[in-house]
């Protein structure tokens, strides 16, 4: 029987089936305090005046910066392979979340 031994420093990541399907989002709202970044992923549906947060991810400032760099790097690689990503002049409706300002 073969054992799955990790090399030193290697991380074994498990992807549960219900997470592997993913959640579609076409809007992200980012807020922060002095100790964390909060990213809310939202799905807007045309002609529906209400939208729900589908997922919320909370990051340390250091991890948020690493994520930003990883996204920049991946967008550059994507555009090199598939061409420039077009950004339409789409205006989202005004958003009022009735939430207090972030505090720690």
PDB file of N, CA and C in Angstrom:
ATOM      1  N   UNK A   1       0.845  -1.179   0.000  1.00  0.00           N
ATOM      2  CA  UNK A   1       0.000   0.000   0.000  1.00  0.00           C
ATOM      3  C   UNK A   1       0.893   1.246   0.000  1.00  0.00           C
ATOM      4  N   UNK A   2       0.645   2.142  -0.924  1.00  0.00           N
ATOM      5  CA  UNK A   2       1.455   3.360  -1.030  1.00  0.00           C
ATOM      6  C   UNK A   2       0.927   4.407  -0.058  1.00  0.00           C
ATOM      7  N   UNK A   3       1.841   5.028   0.643  1.00  0.00           N
ATOM      8  CA  UNK A   3       1.469   6.103   1.556  1.00  0.00           C
ATOM      9  C   UNK A   3       1.687   7.440   0.875  1.00  0.00           C
ATOM     10  N   UNK A   4       0.820   8.393   1.186  1.00  0.00           N
ATOM     11  CA  UNK A   4       0.941   9.743   0.646  1.00  0.00           C
ATOM     12  C   UNK A   4       1.701  10.580   1.665  1.00  0.00           C
ATOM     13  N   UNK A   5       3.019  10.601   1.545  1.00  0.00           N
ATOM     14  CA  UNK A   5       3.842  11.378   2.475  1.00  0.00           C
ATOM     15  C   UNK A   5       4.162  12.731   1.863  1.00  0.00           C
ATOM     16  N   UNK A   6       3.860  13.776   2.612  1.00  0.00           N
ATOM     17  CA  UNK A   6       4.179  15.126   2.156  1.00  0.00           C
ATOM     18  C   UNK A   6       5.653  15.411   2.395  1.00  0.00           C
ATOM     19  N   UNK A   7       6.245  16.121   1.470  1.00  0.00           N
ATOM     20  CA  UNK A   7       7.615  16.602   1.653  1.00  0.00           C
ATOM     21  C   UNK A   7       7.578  17.744   2.658  1.00  0.00           C
ATOM     22  N   UNK A   8       8.685  18.004   3.343  1.00  0.00           N
ATOM     23  CA  UNK A   8       8.699  19.137   4.284  1.00  0.00           C
ATOM     24  C   UNK A   8       8.293  20.440   3.589  1.00  0.00           C
ATOM     25  N   UNK A   9       7.389  21.172   4.204  1.00  0.00           N
ATOM     26  CA  UNK A   9       6.942  22.445   3.643  1.00  0.00           C
ATOM     27  C   UNK A   9       5.813  22.301   2.637  1.00  0.00           C
ATOM     28  N   UNK A  10       5.442  21.074   2.278  1.00  0.00           N
ATOM     29  CA  UNK A  10       4.365  20.851   1.307  1.00  0.00           C
ATOM     30  C   UNK A  10       3.024  20.830   2.036  1.00  0.00           C
ATOM     31  N   UNK A  11       2.022  21.450   1.459  1.00  0.00           N
ATOM     32  CA  UNK A  11       0.702  21.550   2.070  1.00  0.00           C
ATOM     33  C   UNK A  11      -0.273  20.684   1.300  1.00  0.00           C
ATOM     34  N   UNK A  12      -1.014  19.859   1.998  1.00  0.00           N
ATOM     35  CA  UNK A  12      -2.034  19.026   1.386  1.00  0.00           C
ATOM     36  C   UNK A  12      -3.370  19.746   1.535  1.00  0.00           C
ATOM     37  N   UNK A  13      -3.972  20.161   0.420  1.00  0.00           N
ATOM     38  CA  UNK A  13      -5.215  20.935   0.444  1.00  0.00           C
ATOM     39  C   UNK A  13      -6.362  20.046   0.002  1.00  0.00           C
ATOM     40  N   UNK A  14      -7.423  20.034   0.802  1.00  0.00           N
ATOM     41  CA  UNK A  14      -8.611  19.250   0.487  1.00  0.00           C
ATOM     42  C   UNK A  14      -9.691  20.183  -0.045  1.00  0.00           C
ATOM     43  N   UNK A  15     -10.359  19.785  -1.130  1.00  0.00           N
ATOM     44  CA  UNK A  15     -11.429  20.581  -1.731  1.00  0.00           C
ATOM     45  C   UNK A  15     -12.731  19.794  -1.637  1.00  0.00           C
ATOM     46  N   UNK A  16     -13.570  20.128  -0.645  1.00  0.00           N
ATOM     47  CA  UNK A  16     -14.843  19.413  -0.511  1.00  0.00           C
ATOM     48  C   UNK A  16     -15.725  19.609  -1.746  1.00  0.00           C
ATOM     49  N   UNK A  17     -16.527  18.606  -2.060  1.00  0.00           N
ATOM     50  CA  UNK A  17     -17.355  18.624  -3.266  1.00  0.00           C
ATOM     51  C   UNK A  17     -18.290  19.833  -3.315  1.00  0.00           C
ATOM     52  N   UNK A  18     -18.900  20.184  -2.172  1.00  0.00           N
ATOM     53  CA  UNK A  18     -19.848  21.306  -2.176  1.00  0.00           C
ATOM     54  C   UNK A  18     -19.151  22.647  -2.403  1.00  0.00           C
ATOM     55  N   UNK A  19     -17.870  22.740  -2.078  1.00  0.00           N
ATOM     56  CA  UNK A  19     -17.099  23.958  -2.323  1.00  0.00           C
ATOM     57  C   UNK A  19     -16.559  23.962  -3.755  1.00  0.00           C
ATOM     58  N   UNK A  20     -16.238  22.795  -4.278  1.00  0.00           N
ATOM     59  CA  UNK A  20     -15.662  22.673  -5.615  1.00  0.00           C
ATOM     60  C   UNK A  20     -16.589  23.206  -6.706  1.00  0.00           C
ATOM     61  N   UNK A  21     -17.883  23.178  -6.464  1.00  0.00           N
ATOM     62  CA  UNK A  21     -18.839  23.700  -7.444  1.00  0.00           C
ATOM     63  C   UNK A  21     -18.707  25.203  -7.610  1.00  0.00           C
ATOM     64  N   UNK A  22     -18.249  25.885  -6.591  1.00  0.00           N
ATOM     65  CA  UNK A  22     -18.077  27.334  -6.664  1.00  0.00           C
ATOM     66  C   UNK A  22     -19.384  28.085  -6.476  1.00  0.00           C
ATOM     67  N   UNK A  23     -19.271  29.385  -6.319  1.00  0.00           N
ATOM     68  CA  UNK A  23     -20.416  30.280  -6.197  1.00  0.00           C
ATOM     69  C   UNK A  23     -20.196  31.432  -7.157  1.00  0.00           C
ATOM     70  N   UNK A  24     -21.152  31.664  -8.056  1.00  0.00           N
ATOM     71  CA  UNK A  24     -21.013  32.740  -9.040  1.00  0.00           C
ATOM     72  C   UNK A  24     -21.223  34.090  -8.369  1.00  0.00           C
ATOM     73  N   UNK A  25     -20.358  35.045  -8.704  1.00  0.00           N
ATOM     74  CA  UNK A  25     -20.468  36.407  -8.204  1.00  0.00           C
ATOM     75  C   UNK A  25     -20.114  37.360  -9.329  1.00  0.00           C
ATOM     76  N   UNK A  26     -20.885  38.442  -9.458  1.00  0.00           N
ATOM     77  CA  UNK A  26     -20.560  39.458 -10.455  1.00  0.00           C
ATOM     78  C   UNK A  26     -20.371  40.838  -9.818  1.00  0.00           C
ATOM     79  N   UNK A  27     -20.192  40.851  -8.501  1.00  0.00           N
ATOM     80  CA  UNK A  27     -19.905  42.085  -7.790  1.00  0.00           C
ATOM     81  C   UNK A  27     -19.188  41.733  -6.492  1.00  0.00           C
ATOM     82  N   UNK A  28     -18.156  42.473  -6.158  1.00  0.00           N
ATOM     83  CA  UNK A  28     -17.473  42.309  -4.877  1.00  0.00           C
ATOM     84  C   UNK A  28     -17.403  43.660  -4.189  1.00  0.00           C
ATOM     85  N   UNK A  29     -17.734  43.670  -2.913  1.00  0.00           N
ATOM     86  CA  UNK A  29     -17.655  44.869  -2.083  1.00  0.00           C
ATOM     87  C   UNK A  29     -16.551  44.620  -1.066  1.00  0.00           C
ATOM     88  N   UNK A  30     -15.595  45.538  -0.988  1.00  0.00           N
ATOM     89  CA  UNK A  30     -14.456  45.362  -0.094  1.00  0.00           C
ATOM     90  C   UNK A  30     -14.467  46.465   0.956  1.00  0.00           C
ATOM     91  N   UNK A  31     -14.362  46.072   2.214  1.00  0.00           N
ATOM     92  CA  UNK A  31     -14.237  47.034   3.306  1.00  0.00           C
ATOM     93  C   UNK A  31     -13.090  46.564   4.196  1.00  0.00           C
ATOM     94  N   UNK A  32     -12.638  47.455   5.074  1.00  0.00           N
ATOM     95  CA  UNK A  32     -11.515  47.077   5.937  1.00  0.00           C
ATOM     96  C   UNK A  32     -11.540  47.843   7.244  1.00  0.00           C
ATOM     97  N   UNK A  33     -10.899  47.242   8.215  1.00  0.00           N
ATOM     98  CA  UNK A  33     -10.627  47.899   9.494  1.00  0.00           C
ATOM     99  C   UNK A  33      -9.107  47.969   9.620  1.00  0.00           C
ATOM    100  N   UNK A  34      -8.610  48.302  10.784  1.00  0.00           N
ATOM    101  CA  UNK A  34      -7.153  48.361  10.940  1.00  0.00           C
ATOM    102  C   UNK A  34      -6.532  46.969  11.028  1.00  0.00           C
ATOM    103  N   UNK A  35      -7.345  45.918  11.158  1.00  0.00           N
ATOM    104  CA  UNK A  35      -6.786  44.583  11.333  1.00  0.00           C
ATOM    105  C   UNK A  35      -7.260  43.549  10.325  1.00  0.00           C
ATOM    106  N   UNK A  36      -8.229  43.888   9.467  1.00  0.00           N
ATOM    107  CA  UNK A  36      -8.718  42.893   8.510  1.00  0.00           C
ATOM    108  C   UNK A  36      -9.397  43.535   7.307  1.00  0.00           C
ATOM    109  N   UNK A  37      -9.428  42.770   6.225  1.00  0.00           N
ATOM    110  CA  UNK A  37     -10.171  43.123   5.025  1.00  0.00           C
ATOM    111  C   UNK A  37     -11.359  42.169   4.925  1.00  0.00           C
ATOM    112  N   UNK A  38     -12.508  42.697   4.553  1.00  0.00           N
ATOM    113  CA  UNK A  38     -13.701  41.881   4.376  1.00  0.00           C
ATOM    114  C   UNK A  38     -14.128  42.028   2.917  1.00  0.00           C
ATOM    115  N   UNK A  39     -14.241  40.885   2.224  1.00  0.00           N
ATOM    116  CA  UNK A  39     -14.668  40.879   0.827  1.00  0.00           C
ATOM    117  C   UNK A  39     -16.007  40.154   0.759  1.00  0.00           C
ATOM    118  N   UNK A  40     -17.057  40.876   0.377  1.00  0.00           N
ATOM    119  CA  UNK A  40     -18.382  40.294   0.188  1.00  0.00           C
ATOM    120  C   UNK A  40     -18.599  40.064  -1.299  1.00  0.00           C
ATOM    121  N   UNK A  41     -18.902  38.814  -1.653  1.00  0.00           N
ATOM    122  CA  UNK A  41     -19.175  38.453  -3.039  1.00  0.00           C
ATOM    123  C   UNK A  41     -20.685  38.378  -3.220  1.00  0.00           C
ATOM    124  N   UNK A  42     -21.179  39.107  -4.228  1.00  0.00           N
ATOM    125  CA  UNK A  42     -22.608  39.305  -4.439  1.00  0.00           C
ATOM    126  C   UNK A  42     -22.965  38.886  -5.857  1.00  0.00           C
ATOM    127  N   UNK A  43     -24.187  38.398  -6.035  1.00  0.00           N
ATOM    128  CA  UNK A  43     -24.689  38.092  -7.373  1.00  0.00           C
ATOM    129  C   UNK A  43     -25.832  39.047  -7.673  1.00  0.00           C
ATOM    130  N   UNK A  44     -25.599  39.954  -8.655  1.00  0.00           N
ATOM    131  CA  UNK A  44     -26.655  40.857  -9.120  1.00  0.00           C
ATOM    132  C   UNK A  44     -27.414  40.183 -10.243  1.00  0.00           C
ATOM    133  N   UNK A  45     -28.736  40.279 -10.189  1.00  0.00           N
ATOM    134  CA  UNK A  45     -29.588  39.711 -11.232  1.00  0.00           C
ATOM    135  C   UNK A  45     -30.310  40.873 -11.902  1.00  0.00           C
ATOM    136  N   UNK A  46     -30.315  40.918 -13.240  1.00  0.00           N
ATOM    137  CA  UNK A  46     -30.992  42.025 -13.932  1.00  0.00           C
ATOM    138  C   UNK A  46     -32.456  42.161 -13.514  1.00  0.00           C
ATOM    139  N   UNK A  47     -32.894  43.405 -13.371  1.00  0.00           N
ATOM    140  CA  UNK A  47     -34.276  43.764 -13.037  1.00  0.00           C
ATOM    141  C   UNK A  47     -34.731  43.249 -11.668  1.00  0.00           C
ATOM    142  N   UNK A  48     -33.809  42.918 -10.801  1.00  0.00           N
ATOM    143  CA  UNK A  48     -34.152  42.537  -9.428  1.00  0.00           C
ATOM    144  C   UNK A  48     -33.495  43.569  -8.518  1.00  0.00           C
ATOM    145  N   UNK A  49     -34.293  44.329  -7.770  1.00  0.00           N
ATOM    146  CA  UNK A  49     -33.745  45.444  -6.995  1.00  0.00           C
ATOM    147  C   UNK A  49     -32.970  45.032  -5.745  1.00  0.00           C
ATOM    148  N   UNK A  50     -32.979  43.755  -5.404  1.00  0.00           N
ATOM    149  CA  UNK A  50     -32.316  43.295  -4.195  1.00  0.00           C
ATOM    150  C   UNK A  50     -31.275  42.244  -4.562  1.00  0.00           C
ATOM    151  N   UNK A  51     -30.147  42.279  -3.879  1.00  0.00           N
ATOM    152  CA  UNK A  51     -29.095  41.282  -4.106  1.00  0.00           C
ATOM    153  C   UNK A  51     -28.594  40.801  -2.755  1.00  0.00           C
ATOM    154  N   UNK A  52     -28.219  39.527  -2.692  1.00  0.00           N
ATOM    155  CA  UNK A  52     -27.728  38.950  -1.440  1.00  0.00           C
ATOM    156  C   UNK A  52     -26.237  38.673  -1.534  1.00  0.00           C
ATOM    157  N   UNK A  53     -25.580  38.815  -0.392  1.00  0.00           N
ATOM    158  CA  UNK A  53     -24.186  38.405  -0.293  1.00  0.00           C
ATOM    159  C   UNK A  53     -24.183  36.877  -0.354  1.00  0.00           C
ATOM    160  N   UNK A  54     -23.410  36.326  -1.285  1.00  0.00           N
ATOM    161  CA  UNK A  54     -23.334  34.873  -1.451  1.00  0.00           C
ATOM    162  C   UNK A  54     -22.179  34.272  -0.674  1.00  0.00           C
ATOM    163  N   UNK A  55     -21.141  35.079  -0.414  1.00  0.00           N
ATOM    164  CA  UNK A  55     -19.992  34.585   0.326  1.00  0.00           C
ATOM    165  C   UNK A  55     -19.246  35.772   0.910  1.00  0.00           C
ATOM    166  N   UNK A  56     -18.693  35.588   2.103  1.00  0.00           N
ATOM    167  CA  UNK A  56     -17.885  36.627   2.746  1.00  0.00           C
ATOM    168  C   UNK A  56     -16.548  36.007   3.128  1.00  0.00           C
ATOM    169  N   UNK A  57     -15.470  36.657   2.704  1.00  0.00           N
ATOM    170  CA  UNK A  57     -14.125  36.205   3.022  1.00  0.00           C
ATOM    171  C   UNK A  57     -13.451  37.302   3.852  1.00  0.00           C
ATOM    172  N   UNK A  58     -12.856  36.906   4.978  1.00  0.00           N
ATOM    173  CA  UNK A  58     -12.169  37.847   5.858  1.00  0.00           C
ATOM    174  C   UNK A  58     -10.680  37.524   5.809  1.00  0.00           C
ATOM    175  N   UNK A  59      -9.867  38.545   5.516  1.00  0.00           N
ATOM    176  CA  UNK A  59      -8.429  38.365   5.319  1.00  0.00           C
ATOM    177  C   UNK A  59      -7.633  39.290   6.219  1.00  0.00           C
ATOM    178  N   UNK A  60      -6.425  38.861   6.569  1.00  0.00           N
ATOM    179  CA  UNK A  60      -5.498  39.780   7.228  1.00  0.00           C
ATOM    180  C   UNK A  60      -5.007  40.771   6.174  1.00  0.00           C
ATOM    181  N   UNK A  61      -4.528  41.940   6.569  1.00  0.00           N
ATOM    182  CA  UNK A  61      -3.988  42.880   5.585  1.00  0.00           C
ATOM    183  C   UNK A  61      -2.853  42.263   4.758  1.00  0.00           C
ATOM    184  N   UNK A  62      -2.007  41.462   5.394  1.00  0.00           N
ATOM    185  CA  UNK A  62      -0.900  40.834   4.667  1.00  0.00           C
ATOM    186  C   UNK A  62      -1.417  39.863   3.605  1.00  0.00           C
ATOM    187  N   UNK A  63      -2.423  39.076   3.961  1.00  0.00           N
ATOM    188  CA  UNK A  63      -2.964  38.124   2.984  1.00  0.00           C
ATOM    189  C   UNK A  63      -3.722  38.857   1.875  1.00  0.00           C
ATOM    190  N   UNK A  64      -4.398  39.951   2.213  1.00  0.00           N
ATOM    191  CA  UNK A  64      -5.091  40.740   1.194  1.00  0.00           C
ATOM    192  C   UNK A  64      -4.093  41.258   0.159  1.00  0.00           C
ATOM    193  N   UNK A  65      -2.934  41.694   0.618  1.00  0.00           N
ATOM    194  CA  UNK A  65      -1.915  42.205  -0.300  1.00  0.00           C
ATOM    195  C   UNK A  65      -1.369  41.069  -1.178  1.00  0.00           C
ATOM    196  N   UNK A  66      -1.141  39.887  -0.592  1.00  0.00           N
ATOM    197  CA  UNK A  66      -0.686  38.737  -1.387  1.00  0.00           C
ATOM    198  C   UNK A  66      -1.736  38.333  -2.413  1.00  0.00           C
ATOM    199  N   UNK A  67      -3.012  38.382  -2.015  1.00  0.00           N
ATOM    200  CA  UNK A  67      -4.095  38.059  -2.944  1.00  0.00           C
ATOM    201  C   UNK A  67      -4.131  39.057  -4.091  1.00  0.00           C
ATOM    202  N   UNK A  68      -3.970  40.346  -3.779  1.00  0.00           N
ATOM    203  CA  UNK A  68      -3.950  41.379  -4.812  1.00  0.00           C
ATOM    204  C   UNK A  68      -2.843  41.103  -5.826  1.00  0.00           C
ATOM    205  N   UNK A  69      -1.646  40.795  -5.330  1.00  0.00           N
ATOM    206  CA  UNK A  69      -0.518  40.509  -6.228  1.00  0.00           C
ATOM    207  C   UNK A  69      -0.786  39.272  -7.074  1.00  0.00           C
ATOM    208  N   UNK A  70      -1.378  38.246  -6.480  1.00  0.00           N
ATOM    209  CA  UNK A  70      -1.686  37.018  -7.217  1.00  0.00           C
ATOM    210  C   UNK A  70      -2.731  37.288  -8.298  1.00  0.00           C
ATOM    211  N   UNK A  71      -3.735  38.113  -8.001  1.00  0.00           N
ATOM    212  CA  UNK A  71      -4.752  38.457  -9.003  1.00  0.00           C
ATOM    213  C   UNK A  71      -4.144  39.247 -10.155  1.00  0.00           C
ATOM    214  N   UNK A  72      -3.290  40.225  -9.842  1.00  0.00           N
ATOM    215  CA  UNK A  72      -2.626  41.007 -10.889  1.00  0.00           C
ATOM    216  C   UNK A  72      -1.814  40.089 -11.795  1.00  0.00           C
ATOM    217  N   UNK A  73      -1.050  39.192 -11.195  1.00  0.00           N
ATOM    218  CA  UNK A  73      -0.227  38.259 -11.954  1.00  0.00           C
ATOM    219  C   UNK A  73      -1.082  37.360 -12.843  1.00  0.00           C
ATOM    220  N   UNK A  74      -2.185  36.841 -12.307  1.00  0.00           N
ATOM    221  CA  UNK A  74      -3.038  35.948 -13.084  1.00  0.00           C
ATOM    222  C   UNK A  74      -3.801  36.667 -14.185  1.00  0.00           C
ATOM    223  N   UNK A  75      -4.212  37.911 -13.950  1.00  0.00           N
ATOM    224  CA  UNK A  75      -4.879  38.683 -15.010  1.00  0.00           C
ATOM    225  C   UNK A  75      -3.896  38.939 -16.157  1.00  0.00           C
ATOM    226  N   UNK A  76      -2.657  39.272 -15.826  1.00  0.00           N
ATOM    227  CA  UNK A  76      -1.638  39.480 -16.871  1.00  0.00           C
ATOM    228  C   UNK A  76      -1.440  38.216 -17.695  1.00  0.00           C
ATOM    229  N   UNK A  77      -1.341  37.068 -17.032  1.00  0.00           N
ATOM    230  CA  UNK A  77      -1.170  35.790 -17.734  1.00  0.00           C
ATOM    231  C   UNK A  77      -2.390  35.470 -18.597  1.00  0.00           C
ATOM    232  N   UNK A  78      -3.592  35.717 -18.072  1.00  0.00           N
ATOM    233  CA  UNK A  78      -4.821  35.478 -18.822  1.00  0.00           C
ATOM    234  C   UNK A  78      -4.856  36.333 -20.081  1.00  0.00           C
ATOM    235  N   UNK A  79      -4.547  37.644 -19.923  1.00  0.00           N
ATOM    236  CA  UNK A  79      -4.591  38.550 -21.071  1.00  0.00           C
ATOM    237  C   UNK A  79      -3.511  38.210 -22.088  1.00  0.00           C
ATOM    238  N   UNK A  80      -2.373  37.732 -21.647  1.00  0.00           N
ATOM    239  CA  UNK A  80      -1.325  37.321 -22.587  1.00  0.00           C
ATOM    240  C   UNK A  80      -1.790  36.140 -23.428  1.00  0.00           C
ATOM    241  N   UNK A  81      -2.591  35.286 -22.847  1.00  0.00           N
ATOM    242  CA  UNK A  81      -3.070  34.094 -23.555  1.00  0.00           C
ATOM    243  C   UNK A  81      -4.349  34.353 -24.345  1.00  0.00           C
ATOM    244  N   UNK A  82      -5.259  35.181 -23.821  1.00  0.00           N
ATOM    245  CA  UNK A  82      -6.594  35.337 -24.412  1.00  0.00           C
ATOM    246  C   UNK A  82      -6.901  36.734 -24.929  1.00  0.00           C
ATOM    247  N   UNK A  83      -6.020  37.687 -24.729  1.00  0.00           N
ATOM    248  CA  UNK A  83      -6.279  39.066 -25.142  1.00  0.00           C
ATOM    249  C   UNK A  83      -6.814  39.893 -23.988  1.00  0.00           C
ATOM    250  N   UNK A  84      -6.851  41.211 -24.227  1.00  0.00           N
ATOM    251  CA  UNK A  84      -7.266  42.150 -23.182  1.00  0.00           C
ATOM    252  C   UNK A  84      -8.701  41.893 -22.715  1.00  0.00           C
ATOM    253  N   UNK A  85      -8.903  42.019 -21.433  1.00  0.00           N
ATOM    254  CA  UNK A  85     -10.240  41.901 -20.850  1.00  0.00           C
ATOM    255  C   UNK A  85     -10.917  43.257 -20.997  1.00  0.00           C
ATOM    256  N   UNK A  86     -12.063  43.271 -21.665  1.00  0.00           N
ATOM    257  CA  UNK A  86     -12.825  44.511 -21.855  1.00  0.00           C
ATOM    258  C   UNK A  86     -13.547  44.876 -20.561  1.00  0.00           C
ATOM    259  N   UNK A  87     -13.553  46.159 -20.253  1.00  0.00           N
ATOM    260  CA  UNK A  87     -14.266  46.650 -19.083  1.00  0.00           C
ATOM    261  C   UNK A  87     -15.343  47.624 -19.533  1.00  0.00           C
ATOM    262  N   UNK A  88     -16.593  47.157 -19.621  1.00  0.00           N
ATOM    263  CA  UNK A  88     -17.668  48.049 -20.078  1.00  0.00           C
ATOM    264  C   UNK A  88     -17.921  49.156 -19.062  1.00  0.00           C
ATOM    265  N   UNK A  89     -18.458  50.256 -19.542  1.00  0.00           N
ATOM    266  CA  UNK A  89     -18.787  51.393 -18.674  1.00  0.00           C
ATOM    267  C   UNK A  89     -20.119  51.135 -17.980  1.00  0.00           C
ATOM    268  N   UNK A  90     -20.182  50.084 -17.204  1.00  0.00           N
ATOM    269  CA  UNK A  90     -21.410  49.703 -16.516  1.00  0.00           C
ATOM    270  C   UNK A  90     -21.477  50.395 -15.169  1.00  0.00           C
ATOM    271  N   UNK A  91     -22.595  51.031 -14.903  1.00  0.00           N
ATOM    272  CA  UNK A  91     -22.808  51.688 -13.623  1.00  0.00           C
ATOM    273  C   UNK A  91     -23.769  50.841 -12.802  1.00  0.00           C
ATOM    274  N   UNK A  92     -23.361  50.501 -11.592  1.00  0.00           N
ATOM    275  CA  UNK A  92     -24.237  49.741 -10.713  1.00  0.00           C
ATOM    276  C   UNK A  92     -25.158  50.700  -9.989  1.00  0.00           C
ATOM    277  N   UNK A  93     -26.320  50.222  -9.576  1.00  0.00           N
ATOM    278  CA  UNK A  93     -27.232  51.104  -8.834  1.00  0.00           C
ATOM    279  C   UNK A  93     -26.609  51.505  -7.514  1.00  0.00           C
ATOM    280  N   UNK A  94     -27.037  52.648  -6.940  1.00  0.00           N
ATOM    281  CA  UNK A  94     -26.507  53.052  -5.635  1.00  0.00           C
ATOM    282  C   UNK A  94     -26.797  51.964  -4.607  1.00  0.00           C
ATOM    283  N   UNK A  95     -25.833  51.733  -3.746  1.00  0.00           N
ATOM    284  CA  UNK A  95     -25.983  50.658  -2.768  1.00  0.00           C
ATOM    285  C   UNK A  95     -26.009  51.224  -1.369  1.00  0.00           C
ATOM    286  N   UNK A  96     -26.972  50.789  -0.595  1.00  0.00           N
ATOM    287  CA  UNK A  96     -27.093  51.199   0.788  1.00  0.00           C
ATOM    288  C   UNK A  96     -27.197  49.932   1.623  1.00  0.00           C
ATOM    289  N   UNK A  97     -26.172  49.640   2.405  1.00  0.00           N
ATOM    290  CA  UNK A  97     -26.147  48.404   3.168  1.00  0.00           C
ATOM    291  C   UNK A  97     -26.607  48.593   4.605  1.00  0.00           C
ATOM    292  N   UNK A  98     -26.823  49.845   5.026  1.00  0.00           N
ATOM    293  CA  UNK A  98     -27.252  50.124   6.384  1.00  0.00           C
ATOM    294  C   UNK A  98     -26.383  49.403   7.425  1.00  0.00           C
ATOM    295  N   UNK A  99     -25.087  49.412   7.207  1.00  0.00           N
ATOM    296  CA  UNK A  99     -24.174  48.781   8.152  1.00  0.00           C
ATOM    297  C   UNK A  99     -23.294  49.854   8.779  1.00  0.00           C
ATOM    298  N   UNK A 100     -22.888  49.654  10.035  1.00  0.00           N
ATOM    299  CA  UNK A 100     -22.013  50.634  10.669  1.00  0.00           C
ATOM    300  C   UNK A 100     -20.635  50.589  10.051  1.00  0.00           C
ATOM    301  N   UNK A 101     -19.896  51.673  10.182  1.00  0.00           N
ATOM    302  CA  UNK A 101     -18.526  51.714   9.693  1.00  0.00           C
ATOM    303  C   UNK A 101     -17.687  50.706  10.477  1.00  0.00           C
ATOM    304  N   UNK A 102     -16.701  50.093   9.783  1.00  0.00           N
ATOM    305  CA  UNK A 102     -15.879  49.064  10.405  1.00  0.00           C
ATOM    306  C   UNK A 102     -15.070  49.643  11.553  1.00  0.00           C
ATOM    307  N   UNK A 103     -15.050  48.920  12.653  1.00  0.00           N
ATOM    308  CA  UNK A 103     -14.268  49.286  13.821  1.00  0.00           C
ATOM    309  C   UNK A 103     -13.670  48.019  14.405  1.00  0.00           C
ATOM    310  N   UNK A 104     -12.561  48.142  15.058  1.00  0.00           N
ATOM    311  CA  UNK A 104     -11.943  46.977  15.690  1.00  0.00           C
ATOM    312  C   UNK A 104     -12.136  47.026  17.189  1.00  0.00           C
TER     313      UNK A 104
END
